[in-house]
Amino acid sequence: MSYQAPGSLGRKLLRGDKEVLIDNEMVQVRAKVSLVNSYSSHADEPHLLEWVGKIQAPKPGKVFVNHGEEASSLLLATKIEANFGIKPTVPEYGQSYEI
């Protein structure tokens, strides 16, 4: 396992819950669960900053950051603004935006 969002089944397994809810049924966990930090299914912060930096024309007028947990998203947004002069938005749950 790698990153698992708070409240997700994966996070519950990762933190060692002995029972989890699957399809409205409590299921006993009998698997050995291990955290693997060296693999990721998505780009990390340096790669995302590099990607944003490669966008030449037209320069983005708006960037939405929804990468990881809130603290990580806010940090990435701060770095995007500092490096590229673009004020990113970190969406809050339930908000909608017109594009």
PDB file of N, CA and C in Angstrom:
ATOM      1  N   MET A   1       0.832  -1.180   0.000  1.00  0.00           N
ATOM      2  CA  MET A   1       0.000   0.000   0.000  1.00  0.00           C
ATOM      3  C   MET A   1       0.871   1.236   0.000  1.00  0.00           C
ATOM      4  N   SER A   2       0.341   2.291  -0.591  1.00  0.00           N
ATOM      5  CA  SER A   2       0.996   3.595  -0.515  1.00  0.00           C
ATOM      6  C   SER A   2       0.004   4.556   0.134  1.00  0.00           C
ATOM      7  N   TYR A   3      -0.035   5.812  -0.307  1.00  0.00           N
ATOM      8  CA  TYR A   3      -0.920   6.800   0.310  1.00  0.00           C
ATOM      9  C   TYR A   3      -2.366   6.336   0.283  1.00  0.00           C
ATOM     10  N   GLN A   4      -3.059   6.529   1.389  1.00  0.00           N
ATOM     11  CA  GLN A   4      -4.488   6.215   1.493  1.00  0.00           C
ATOM     12  C   GLN A   4      -5.188   7.406   2.132  1.00  0.00           C
ATOM     13  N   ALA A   5      -6.252   7.868   1.518  1.00  0.00           N
ATOM     14  CA  ALA A   5      -6.977   9.053   1.987  1.00  0.00           C
ATOM     15  C   ALA A   5      -7.626   8.796   3.340  1.00  0.00           C
ATOM     16  N   PRO A   6      -7.694   9.841   4.189  1.00  0.00           N
ATOM     17  CA  PRO A   6      -8.373   9.701   5.482  1.00  0.00           C
ATOM     18  C   PRO A   6      -9.814   9.237   5.288  1.00  0.00           C
ATOM     19  N   GLY A   7     -10.237   8.303   6.126  1.00  0.00           N
ATOM     20  CA  GLY A   7     -11.596   7.794   6.070  1.00  0.00           C
ATOM     21  C   GLY A   7     -11.808   6.678   5.066  1.00  0.00           C
ATOM     22  N   SER A   8     -10.806   6.416   4.212  1.00  0.00           N
ATOM     23  CA  SER A   8     -10.960   5.377   3.194  1.00  0.00           C
ATOM     24  C   SER A   8     -10.720   3.989   3.778  1.00  0.00           C
ATOM     25  N   LEU A   9     -11.185   2.987   3.053  1.00  0.00           N
ATOM     26  CA  LEU A   9     -10.955   1.609   3.459  1.00  0.00           C
ATOM     27  C   LEU A   9      -9.447   1.340   3.539  1.00  0.00           C
ATOM     28  N   GLY A  10      -8.703   1.842   2.557  1.00  0.00           N
ATOM     29  CA  GLY A  10      -7.256   1.653   2.559  1.00  0.00           C
ATOM     30  C   GLY A  10      -6.590   2.231   3.792  1.00  0.00           C
ATOM     31  N   ARG A  11      -7.032   3.426   4.234  1.00  0.00           N
ATOM     32  CA  ARG A  11      -6.465   4.043   5.441  1.00  0.00           C
ATOM     33  C   ARG A  11      -6.774   3.186   6.668  1.00  0.00           C
ATOM     34  N   LYS A  12      -7.984   2.643   6.719  1.00  0.00           N
ATOM     35  CA  LYS A  12      -8.359   1.790   7.860  1.00  0.00           C
ATOM     36  C   LYS A  12      -7.492   0.534   7.904  1.00  0.00           C
ATOM     37  N   LEU A  13      -7.252  -0.048   6.742  1.00  0.00           N
ATOM     38  CA  LEU A  13      -6.387  -1.229   6.682  1.00  0.00           C
ATOM     39  C   LEU A  13      -4.962  -0.856   7.079  1.00  0.00           C
ATOM     40  N   LEU A  14      -4.487   0.270   6.591  1.00  0.00           N
ATOM     41  CA  LEU A  14      -3.124   0.711   6.860  1.00  0.00           C
ATOM     42  C   LEU A  14      -2.894   0.993   8.339  1.00  0.00           C
ATOM     43  N   ARG A  15      -3.885   1.540   9.014  1.00  0.00           N
ATOM     44  CA  ARG A  15      -3.698   1.847  10.438  1.00  0.00           C
ATOM     45  C   ARG A  15      -3.900   0.616  11.327  1.00  0.00           C
ATOM     46  N   GLY A  16      -4.269  -0.524  10.714  1.00  0.00           N
ATOM     47  CA  GLY A  16      -4.322  -1.770  11.467  1.00  0.00           C
ATOM     48  C   GLY A  16      -5.674  -2.152  12.027  1.00  0.00           C
ATOM     49  N   ASP A  17      -6.762  -1.555  11.511  1.00  0.00           N
ATOM     50  CA  ASP A  17      -8.096  -1.954  11.973  1.00  0.00           C
ATOM     51  C   ASP A  17      -8.261  -3.461  11.806  1.00  0.00           C
ATOM     52  N   LYS A  18      -8.840  -4.099  12.791  1.00  0.00           N
ATOM     53  CA  LYS A  18      -9.034  -5.555  12.759  1.00  0.00           C
ATOM     54  C   LYS A  18     -10.323  -5.946  12.047  1.00  0.00           C
ATOM     55  N   GLU A  19     -11.272  -5.012  11.942  1.00  0.00           N
ATOM     56  CA  GLU A  19     -12.511  -5.221  11.203  1.00  0.00           C
ATOM     57  C   GLU A  19     -12.788  -3.972  10.379  1.00  0.00           C
ATOM     58  N   VAL A  20     -13.323  -4.176   9.177  1.00  0.00           N
ATOM     59  CA  VAL A  20     -13.671  -3.053   8.305  1.00  0.00           C
ATOM     60  C   VAL A  20     -15.045  -3.304   7.694  1.00  0.00           C
ATOM     61  N   LEU A  21     -15.701  -2.222   7.330  1.00  0.00           N
ATOM     62  CA  LEU A  21     -17.026  -2.307   6.726  1.00  0.00           C
ATOM     63  C   LEU A  21     -16.882  -2.387   5.212  1.00  0.00           C
ATOM     64  N   ILE A  22     -17.380  -3.480   4.624  1.00  0.00           N
ATOM     65  CA  ILE A  22     -17.373  -3.670   3.176  1.00  0.00           C
ATOM     66  C   ILE A  22     -18.776  -4.085   2.759  1.00  0.00           C
ATOM     67  N   ASP A  23     -19.384  -3.308   1.859  1.00  0.00           N
ATOM     68  CA  ASP A  23     -20.754  -3.593   1.390  1.00  0.00           C
ATOM     69  C   ASP A  23     -21.715  -3.797   2.558  1.00  0.00           C
ATOM     70  N   ASN A  24     -21.666  -2.869   3.511  1.00  0.00           N
ATOM     71  CA  ASN A  24     -22.550  -2.878   4.685  1.00  0.00           C
ATOM     72  C   ASN A  24     -22.392  -4.121   5.562  1.00  0.00           C
ATOM     73  N   GLU A  25     -21.229  -4.729   5.509  1.00  0.00           N
ATOM     74  CA  GLU A  25     -20.965  -5.902   6.337  1.00  0.00           C
ATOM     75  C   GLU A  25     -19.591  -5.759   6.986  1.00  0.00           C
ATOM     76  N   MET A  26     -19.525  -6.009   8.300  1.00  0.00           N
ATOM     77  CA  MET A  26     -18.235  -5.963   8.987  1.00  0.00           C
ATOM     78  C   MET A  26     -17.450  -7.226   8.624  1.00  0.00           C
ATOM     79  N   VAL A  27     -16.222  -7.018   8.153  1.00  0.00           N
ATOM     80  CA  VAL A  27     -15.383  -8.125   7.703  1.00  0.00           C
ATOM     81  C   VAL A  27     -14.101  -8.121   8.523  1.00  0.00           C
ATOM     82  N   GLN A  28     -13.719  -9.293   9.017  1.00  0.00           N
ATOM     83  CA  GLN A  28     -12.485  -9.422   9.780  1.00  0.00           C
ATOM     84  C   GLN A  28     -11.294  -9.331   8.825  1.00  0.00           C
ATOM     85  N   VAL A  29     -10.293  -8.524   9.199  1.00  0.00           N
ATOM     86  CA  VAL A  29      -9.090  -8.379   8.390  1.00  0.00           C
ATOM     87  C   VAL A  29      -8.117  -9.473   8.790  1.00  0.00           C
ATOM     88  N   ARG A  30      -7.776 -10.317   7.824  1.00  0.00           N
ATOM     89  CA  ARG A  30      -6.820 -11.398   8.083  1.00  0.00           C
ATOM     90  C   ARG A  30      -5.563 -11.236   7.237  1.00  0.00           C
ATOM     91  N   ALA A  31      -5.480 -10.147   6.501  1.00  0.00           N
ATOM     92  CA  ALA A  31      -4.338  -9.908   5.618  1.00  0.00           C
ATOM     93  C   ALA A  31      -3.212  -9.208   6.366  1.00  0.00           C
ATOM     94  N   LYS A  32      -1.998  -9.428   5.908  1.00  0.00           N
ATOM     95  CA  LYS A  32      -0.858  -8.660   6.386  1.00  0.00           C
ATOM     96  C   LYS A  32      -0.776  -7.430   5.491  1.00  0.00           C
ATOM     97  N   VAL A  33      -0.786  -6.250   6.068  1.00  0.00           N
ATOM     98  CA  VAL A  33      -0.772  -4.995   5.321  1.00  0.00           C
ATOM     99  C   VAL A  33       0.549  -4.285   5.583  1.00  0.00           C
ATOM    100  N   SER A  34       1.192  -3.858   4.507  1.00  0.00           N
ATOM    101  CA  SER A  34       2.476  -3.169   4.620  1.00  0.00           C
ATOM    102  C   SER A  34       2.418  -1.851   3.869  1.00  0.00           C
ATOM    103  N   LEU A  35       3.104  -0.844   4.380  1.00  0.00           N
ATOM    104  CA  LEU A  35       3.216   0.457   3.736  1.00  0.00           C
ATOM    105  C   LEU A  35       4.466   0.464   2.860  1.00  0.00           C
ATOM    106  N   VAL A  36       4.308   0.875   1.605  1.00  0.00           N
ATOM    107  CA  VAL A  36       5.431   0.982   0.686  1.00  0.00           C
ATOM    108  C   VAL A  36       5.536   2.440   0.274  1.00  0.00           C
ATOM    109  N   ASN A  37       6.488   3.162   0.847  1.00  0.00           N
ATOM    110  CA  ASN A  37       6.636   4.591   0.575  1.00  0.00           C
ATOM    111  C   ASN A  37       7.408   4.881  -0.706  1.00  0.00           C
ATOM    112  N   SER A  38       8.069   3.910  -1.260  1.00  0.00           N
ATOM    113  CA  SER A  38       8.940   4.179  -2.399  1.00  0.00           C
ATOM    114  C   SER A  38       8.222   4.166  -3.741  1.00  0.00           C
ATOM    115  N   TYR A  39       6.945   3.840  -3.766  1.00  0.00           N
ATOM    116  CA  TYR A  39       6.187   3.802  -5.012  1.00  0.00           C
ATOM    117  C   TYR A  39       5.019   4.763  -4.939  1.00  0.00           C
ATOM    118  N   SER A  40       4.664   5.334  -6.073  1.00  0.00           N
ATOM    119  CA  SER A  40       3.528   6.246  -6.124  1.00  0.00           C
ATOM    120  C   SER A  40       2.838   6.088  -7.462  1.00  0.00           C
ATOM    121  N   SER A  41       1.526   6.234  -7.450  1.00  0.00           N
ATOM    122  CA  SER A  41       0.757   6.127  -8.687  1.00  0.00           C
ATOM    123  C   SER A  41       0.541   7.494  -9.324  1.00  0.00           C
ATOM    124  N   HIS A  42       1.102   8.535  -8.745  1.00  0.00           N
ATOM    125  CA  HIS A  42       0.942   9.879  -9.295  1.00  0.00           C
ATOM    126  C   HIS A  42       2.233  10.683  -9.103  1.00  0.00           C
ATOM    127  N   ALA A  43       2.267  11.829  -9.762  1.00  0.00           N
ATOM    128  CA  ALA A  43       3.449  12.683  -9.675  1.00  0.00           C
ATOM    129  C   ALA A  43       3.579  13.280  -8.275  1.00  0.00           C
ATOM    130  N   ASP A  44       4.822  13.492  -7.858  1.00  0.00           N
ATOM    131  CA  ASP A  44       5.058  14.133  -6.570  1.00  0.00           C
ATOM    132  C   ASP A  44       5.215  15.635  -6.778  1.00  0.00           C
ATOM    133  N   GLU A  45       5.411  16.348  -5.681  1.00  0.00           N
ATOM    134  CA  GLU A  45       5.470  17.812  -5.726  1.00  0.00           C
ATOM    135  C   GLU A  45       6.495  18.350  -6.730  1.00  0.00           C
ATOM    136  N   PRO A  46       7.748  17.874  -6.715  1.00  0.00           N
ATOM    137  CA  PRO A  46       8.705  18.416  -7.688  1.00  0.00           C
ATOM    138  C   PRO A  46       8.255  18.214  -9.139  1.00  0.00           C
ATOM    139  N   HIS A  47       7.674  17.065  -9.431  1.00  0.00           N
ATOM    140  CA  HIS A  47       7.211  16.805 -10.793  1.00  0.00           C
ATOM    141  C   HIS A  47       6.024  17.698 -11.162  1.00  0.00           C
ATOM    142  N   LEU A  48       5.136  17.941 -10.216  1.00  0.00           N
ATOM    143  CA  LEU A  48       4.001  18.825 -10.492  1.00  0.00           C
ATOM    144  C   LEU A  48       4.474  20.260 -10.717  1.00  0.00           C
ATOM    145  N   LEU A  49       5.437  20.713  -9.918  1.00  0.00           N
ATOM    146  CA  LEU A  49       5.980  22.058 -10.114  1.00  0.00           C
ATOM    147  C   LEU A  49       6.684  22.163 -11.470  1.00  0.00           C
ATOM    148  N   GLU A  50       7.413  21.131 -11.844  1.00  0.00           N
ATOM    149  CA  GLU A  50       8.072  21.120 -13.142  1.00  0.00           C
ATOM    150  C   GLU A  50       7.036  21.195 -14.268  1.00  0.00           C
ATOM    151  N   TRP A  51       5.965  20.442 -14.131  1.00  0.00           N
ATOM    152  CA  TRP A  51       4.904  20.424 -15.144  1.00  0.00           C
ATOM    153  C   TRP A  51       4.267  21.806 -15.301  1.00  0.00           C
ATOM    154  N   VAL A  52       3.926  22.441 -14.178  1.00  0.00           N
ATOM    155  CA  VAL A  52       3.333  23.781 -14.243  1.00  0.00           C
ATOM    156  C   VAL A  52       4.307  24.756 -14.888  1.00  0.00           C
ATOM    157  N   GLY A  53       5.596  24.626 -14.563  1.00  0.00           N
ATOM    158  CA  GLY A  53       6.612  25.526 -15.109  1.00  0.00           C
ATOM    159  C   GLY A  53       6.806  25.398 -16.610  1.00  0.00           C
ATOM    160  N   LYS A  54       6.443  24.257 -17.157  1.00  0.00           N
ATOM    161  CA  LYS A  54       6.610  24.037 -18.593  1.00  0.00           C
ATOM    162  C   LYS A  54       5.474  24.641 -19.422  1.00  0.00           C
ATOM    163  N   ILE A  55       4.414  25.066 -18.784  1.00  0.00           N
ATOM    164  CA  ILE A  55       3.300  25.666 -19.523  1.00  0.00           C
ATOM    165  C   ILE A  55       3.695  27.101 -19.873  1.00  0.00           C
ATOM    166  N   GLN A  56       3.967  27.341 -21.143  1.00  0.00           N
ATOM    167  CA  GLN A  56       4.483  28.643 -21.572  1.00  0.00           C
ATOM    168  C   GLN A  56       3.377  29.589 -22.030  1.00  0.00           C
ATOM    169  N   ALA A  57       2.590  29.170 -22.995  1.00  0.00           N
ATOM    170  CA  ALA A  57       1.594  30.087 -23.551  1.00  0.00           C
ATOM    171  C   ALA A  57       0.369  29.287 -23.990  1.00  0.00           C
ATOM    172  N   PRO A  58      -0.772  29.709 -23.614  1.00  0.00           N
ATOM    173  CA  PRO A  58      -0.983  30.834 -22.700  1.00  0.00           C
ATOM    174  C   PRO A  58      -0.703  30.405 -21.255  1.00  0.00           C
ATOM    175  N   LYS A  59      -0.203  31.342 -20.467  1.00  0.00           N
ATOM    176  CA  LYS A  59       0.048  31.095 -19.047  1.00  0.00           C
ATOM    177  C   LYS A  59      -1.301  30.830 -18.373  1.00  0.00           C
ATOM    178  N   PRO A  60      -1.387  29.822 -17.528  1.00  0.00           N
ATOM    179  CA  PRO A  60      -2.679  29.516 -16.886  1.00  0.00           C
ATOM    180  C   PRO A  60      -3.209  30.697 -16.072  1.00  0.00           C
ATOM    181  N   GLY A  61      -4.487  30.969 -16.231  1.00  0.00           N
ATOM    182  CA  GLY A  61      -5.127  32.010 -15.442  1.00  0.00           C
ATOM    183  C   GLY A  61      -5.596  31.482 -14.100  1.00  0.00           C
ATOM    184  N   LYS A  62      -5.793  30.186 -14.018  1.00  0.00           N
ATOM    185  CA  LYS A  62      -6.301  29.569 -12.786  1.00  0.00           C
ATOM    186  C   LYS A  62      -5.724  28.163 -12.666  1.00  0.00           C
ATOM    187  N   VAL A  63      -5.299  27.806 -11.475  1.00  0.00           N
ATOM    188  CA  VAL A  63      -4.811  26.461 -11.174  1.00  0.00           C
ATOM    189  C   VAL A  63      -5.561  25.969  -9.946  1.00  0.00           C
ATOM    190  N   PHE A  64      -6.084  24.754 -10.029  1.00  0.00           N
ATOM    191  CA  PHE A  64      -6.734  24.114  -8.895  1.00  0.00           C
ATOM    192  C   PHE A  64      -5.801  23.033  -8.368  1.00  0.00           C
ATOM    193  N   VAL A  65      -5.565  23.047  -7.072  1.00  0.00           N
ATOM    194  CA  VAL A  65      -4.694  22.062  -6.440  1.00  0.00           C
ATOM    195  C   VAL A  65      -5.551  21.161  -5.560  1.00  0.00           C
ATOM    196  N   ASN A  66      -5.619  19.895  -5.926  1.00  0.00           N
ATOM    197  CA  ASN A  66      -6.351  18.928  -5.106  1.00  0.00           C
ATOM    198  C   ASN A  66      -5.510  17.674  -4.927  1.00  0.00           C
ATOM    199  N   HIS A  67      -4.228  17.890  -4.712  1.00  0.00           N
ATOM    200  CA  HIS A  67      -3.243  16.819  -4.622  1.00  0.00           C
ATOM    201  C   HIS A  67      -2.966  16.483  -3.166  1.00  0.00           C
ATOM    202  N   GLY A  68      -3.458  15.341  -2.684  1.00  0.00           N
ATOM    203  CA  GLY A  68      -3.166  14.919  -1.326  1.00  0.00           C
ATOM    204  C   GLY A  68      -4.051  15.575  -0.284  1.00  0.00           C
ATOM    205  N   GLU A  69      -3.605  15.505   0.950  1.00  0.00           N
ATOM    206  CA  GLU A  69      -4.365  16.080   2.054  1.00  0.00           C
ATOM    207  C   GLU A  69      -4.262  17.601   2.020  1.00  0.00           C
ATOM    208  N   GLU A  70      -5.126  18.261   2.790  1.00  0.00           N
ATOM    209  CA  GLU A  70      -5.222  19.717   2.738  1.00  0.00           C
ATOM    210  C   GLU A  70      -3.884  20.408   2.971  1.00  0.00           C
ATOM    211  N   ALA A  71      -3.140  19.981   3.968  1.00  0.00           N
ATOM    212  CA  ALA A  71      -1.854  20.631   4.269  1.00  0.00           C
ATOM    213  C   ALA A  71      -0.901  20.532   3.082  1.00  0.00           C
ATOM    214  N   SER A  72      -0.861  19.374   2.432  1.00  0.00           N
ATOM    215  CA  SER A  72       0.002  19.191   1.265  1.00  0.00           C
ATOM    216  C   SER A  72      -0.457  20.057   0.108  1.00  0.00           C
ATOM    217  N   SER A  73      -1.761  20.129  -0.095  1.00  0.00           N
ATOM    218  CA  SER A  73      -2.311  20.958  -1.172  1.00  0.00           C
ATOM    219  C   SER A  73      -1.984  22.428  -0.948  1.00  0.00           C
ATOM    220  N   LEU A  74      -2.119  22.899   0.286  1.00  0.00           N
ATOM    221  CA  LEU A  74      -1.830  24.304   0.592  1.00  0.00           C
ATOM    222  C   LEU A  74      -0.352  24.621   0.381  1.00  0.00           C
ATOM    223  N   LEU A  75       0.521  23.704   0.753  1.00  0.00           N
ATOM    224  CA  LEU A  75       1.957  23.903   0.552  1.00  0.00           C
ATOM    225  C   LEU A  75       2.288  23.955  -0.936  1.00  0.00           C
ATOM    226  N   LEU A  76       1.721  23.044  -1.713  1.00  0.00           N
ATOM    227  CA  LEU A  76       1.959  23.052  -3.151  1.00  0.00           C
ATOM    228  C   LEU A  76       1.426  24.337  -3.777  1.00  0.00           C
ATOM    229  N   ALA A  77       0.256  24.794  -3.351  1.00  0.00           N
ATOM    230  CA  ALA A  77      -0.322  26.037  -3.869  1.00  0.00           C
ATOM    231  C   ALA A  77       0.600  27.215  -3.571  1.00  0.00           C
ATOM    232  N   THR A  78       1.168  27.259  -2.383  1.00  0.00           N
ATOM    233  CA  THR A  78       2.090  28.330  -2.006  1.00  0.00           C
ATOM    234  C   THR A  78       3.324  28.329  -2.908  1.00  0.00           C
ATOM    235  N   LYS A  79       3.836  27.142  -3.208  1.00  0.00           N
ATOM    236  CA  LYS A  79       5.024  27.040  -4.058  1.00  0.00           C
ATOM    237  C   LYS A  79       4.705  27.419  -5.505  1.00  0.00           C
ATOM    238  N   ILE A  80       3.531  27.067  -5.985  1.00  0.00           N
ATOM    239  CA  ILE A  80       3.130  27.461  -7.344  1.00  0.00           C
ATOM    240  C   ILE A  80       3.062  28.977  -7.434  1.00  0.00           C
ATOM    241  N   GLU A  81       2.460  29.603  -6.433  1.00  0.00           N
ATOM    242  CA  GLU A  81       2.360  31.071  -6.444  1.00  0.00           C
ATOM    243  C   GLU A  81       3.739  31.721  -6.383  1.00  0.00           C
ATOM    244  N   ALA A  82       4.592  31.217  -5.508  1.00  0.00           N
ATOM    245  CA  ALA A  82       5.930  31.800  -5.353  1.00  0.00           C
ATOM    246  C   ALA A  82       6.776  31.625  -6.611  1.00  0.00           C
ATOM    247  N   ASN A  83       6.690  30.471  -7.242  1.00  0.00           N
ATOM    248  CA  ASN A  83       7.536  30.176  -8.399  1.00  0.00           C
ATOM    249  C   ASN A  83       7.018  30.742  -9.714  1.00  0.00           C
ATOM    250  N   PHE A  84       5.687  30.832  -9.855  1.00  0.00           N
ATOM    251  CA  PHE A  84       5.127  31.148 -11.168  1.00  0.00           C
ATOM    252  C   PHE A  84       4.177  32.341 -11.171  1.00  0.00           C
ATOM    253  N   GLY A  85       3.917  32.918 -10.008  1.00  0.00           N
ATOM    254  CA  GLY A  85       3.043  34.085  -9.941  1.00  0.00           C
ATOM    255  C   GLY A  85       1.582  33.788 -10.230  1.00  0.00           C
ATOM    256  N   ILE A  86       1.200  32.544 -10.092  1.00  0.00           N
ATOM    257  CA  ILE A  86      -0.189  32.125 -10.307  1.00  0.00           C
ATOM    258  C   ILE A  86      -0.806  31.855  -8.945  1.00  0.00           C
ATOM    259  N   LYS A  87      -1.969  32.441  -8.667  1.00  0.00           N
ATOM    260  CA  LYS A  87      -2.646  32.239  -7.376  1.00  0.00           C
ATOM    261  C   LYS A  87      -3.557  31.014  -7.492  1.00  0.00           C
ATOM    262  N   PRO A  88      -3.111  29.854  -6.985  1.00  0.00           N
ATOM    263  CA  PRO A  88      -3.923  28.641  -7.086  1.00  0.00           C
ATOM    264  C   PRO A  88      -5.099  28.644  -6.110  1.00  0.00           C
ATOM    265  N   THR A  89      -6.070  27.828  -6.414  1.00  0.00           N
ATOM    266  CA  THR A  89      -7.208  27.592  -5.543  1.00  0.00           C
ATOM    267  C   THR A  89      -7.119  26.171  -5.005  1.00  0.00           C
ATOM    268  N   VAL A  90      -7.270  26.016  -3.697  1.00  0.00           N
ATOM    269  CA  VAL A  90      -7.374  24.697  -3.089  1.00  0.00           C
ATOM    270  C   VAL A  90      -8.856  24.516  -2.769  1.00  0.00           C
ATOM    271  N   PRO A  91      -9.581  23.760  -3.594  1.00  0.00           N
ATOM    272  CA  PRO A  91     -11.032  23.632  -3.414  1.00  0.00           C
ATOM    273  C   PRO A  91     -11.389  22.995  -2.077  1.00  0.00           C
ATOM    274  N   GLU A  92     -12.493  23.436  -1.529  1.00  0.00           N
ATOM    275  CA  GLU A  92     -13.030  22.816  -0.323  1.00  0.00           C
ATOM    276  C   GLU A  92     -14.127  21.856  -0.727  1.00  0.00           C
ATOM    277  N   TYR A  93     -14.320  20.842   0.051  1.00  0.00           N
ATOM    278  CA  TYR A  93     -15.341  19.841  -0.246  1.00  0.00           C
ATOM    279  C   TYR A  93     -16.693  20.500  -0.452  1.00  0.00           C
ATOM    280  N   GLY A  94     -17.346  20.145  -1.526  1.00  0.00           N
ATOM    281  CA  GLY A  94     -18.696  20.657  -1.803  1.00  0.00           C
ATOM    282  C   GLY A  94     -18.745  21.943  -2.586  1.00  0.00           C
ATOM    283  N   GLN A  95     -17.614  22.623  -2.754  1.00  0.00           N
ATOM    284  CA  GLN A  95     -17.596  23.858  -3.530  1.00  0.00           C
ATOM    285  C   GLN A  95     -17.667  23.534  -5.010  1.00  0.00           C
ATOM    286  N   SER A  96     -18.258  24.458  -5.773  1.00  0.00           N
ATOM    287  CA  SER A  96     -18.245  24.315  -7.225  1.00  0.00           C
ATOM    288  C   SER A  96     -17.676  25.589  -7.821  1.00  0.00           C
ATOM    289  N   TYR A  97     -17.116  25.460  -9.008  1.00  0.00           N
ATOM    290  CA  TYR A  97     -16.462  26.568  -9.683  1.00  0.00           C
ATOM    291  C   TYR A  97     -16.897  26.608 -11.145  1.00  0.00           C
ATOM    292  N   GLU A  98     -17.069  27.796 -11.646  1.00  0.00           N
ATOM    293  CA  GLU A  98     -17.367  27.952 -13.061  1.00  0.00           C
ATOM    294  C   GLU A  98     -16.060  28.175 -13.791  1.00  0.00           C
ATOM    295  N   ILE A  99     -15.840  27.391 -14.825  1.00  0.00           N
ATOM    296  CA  ILE A  99     -14.587  27.483 -15.584  1.00  0.00           C
ATOM    297  C   ILE A  99     -14.903  27.989 -16.965  1.00  0.00           C
TER     298      ILE A  99
END
